[in-house]
């Protein structure tokens, strides 16, 4: 059976440009942050800086669970 999960997706800084700040999403069970990053295409111009799930650092292979909040931050330069 193809189960679905509900997550909250938050984009920060330049990732918001032309997109959204917060969005509720329904994803198939087994979805990873990398799947969502690929779907959005947000890292084509700005590399990923920080990826958090439920305010904890995770990696792109983490399997998202029902109710998770995924936060994506681009790499920020400066000096």
Protein backbone atom coordinates (compact mmCIF):
# COMPACT_ATOMS: atom_id res chain seq x y z
CA UNK A 1 0.00 0.00 0.00
CA UNK A 2 1.26 3.47 -0.88
CA UNK A 3 1.17 5.38 2.40
CA UNK A 4 1.33 9.15 2.64
CA UNK A 5 2.83 11.36 5.34
CA UNK A 6 2.26 15.02 6.18
CA UNK A 7 5.28 17.25 6.73
CA UNK A 8 6.00 20.95 7.13
CA UNK A 9 8.66 22.35 4.81
CA UNK A 10 10.43 25.60 5.72
CA UNK A 11 12.77 27.46 3.36
CA UNK A 12 15.17 30.15 4.55
CA UNK A 13 17.15 33.06 3.08
CA UNK A 14 17.63 32.94 -0.71
CA UNK A 15 15.74 29.63 -0.99
CA UNK A 16 12.55 31.63 -0.33
CA UNK A 17 13.03 33.81 -3.42
CA UNK A 18 10.37 32.79 -5.91
CA UNK A 19 9.19 30.03 -3.58
CA UNK A 20 7.52 30.10 -0.17
CA UNK A 21 8.48 30.40 3.49
CA UNK A 22 6.42 27.55 4.92
CA UNK A 23 4.39 24.89 3.17
CA UNK A 24 2.45 21.85 4.33
CA UNK A 25 3.18 18.86 2.07
CA UNK A 26 1.87 15.38 1.60
CA UNK A 27 4.68 13.01 0.61
CA UNK A 28 4.88 9.32 -0.04
CA UNK A 29 6.22 7.18 2.75
CA UNK A 30 10.01 6.79 2.44
CA UNK A 31 10.62 10.35 1.17
CA UNK A 32 13.99 11.85 2.09
CA UNK A 33 15.07 15.49 2.29
CA UNK A 34 17.14 14.86 -0.88
CA UNK A 35 13.95 13.91 -2.73
CA UNK A 36 12.39 17.25 -1.79
CA UNK A 37 15.57 19.21 -2.58
CA UNK A 38 15.68 17.59 -6.02
CA UNK A 39 11.99 18.26 -6.63
CA UNK A 40 12.37 21.95 -5.76
CA UNK A 41 15.67 22.37 -7.63
CA UNK A 42 16.82 24.88 -5.01
CA UNK A 43 20.43 23.74 -4.84
CA UNK A 44 21.14 24.29 -8.55
CA UNK A 45 22.32 27.86 -7.89
CA UNK A 46 22.94 27.88 -4.14
CA UNK A 47 24.45 24.89 -2.31
CA UNK A 48 22.76 23.52 0.77
CA UNK A 49 24.20 24.86 4.01
CA UNK A 50 22.09 23.39 6.80
CA UNK A 51 19.40 20.74 6.81
CA UNK A 52 17.35 20.26 9.96
CA UNK A 53 14.47 17.97 10.84
CA UNK A 54 12.49 18.94 13.93
CA UNK A 55 15.23 21.45 14.87
CA UNK A 56 17.96 18.78 14.82
CA UNK A 57 20.73 18.48 12.25
CA UNK A 58 20.11 15.58 9.87
CA UNK A 59 21.49 14.47 6.52
CA UNK A 60 19.88 14.23 3.11
CA UNK A 61 19.21 10.48 3.51
CA UNK A 62 17.05 10.77 6.63
CA UNK A 63 13.65 9.17 6.01
CA UNK A 64 10.95 11.71 6.82
CA UNK A 65 8.21 10.69 9.25
CA UNK A 66 4.62 11.83 9.79
CA UNK A 67 4.57 15.33 11.31
CA UNK A 68 8.25 16.15 10.69
CA UNK A 69 9.34 19.73 10.03
CA UNK A 70 12.08 19.97 7.39
CA UNK A 71 14.08 23.22 7.35
CA UNK A 72 16.50 24.05 4.52
CA UNK A 73 19.11 26.81 4.69
CA UNK A 74 21.46 27.75 1.83
CA UNK A 75 25.18 28.08 2.39
CA UNK A 76 25.87 31.68 3.34
CA UNK A 77 29.05 33.47 2.39
CA UNK A 78 30.44 36.51 4.02
CA UNK A 79 33.44 38.01 5.51
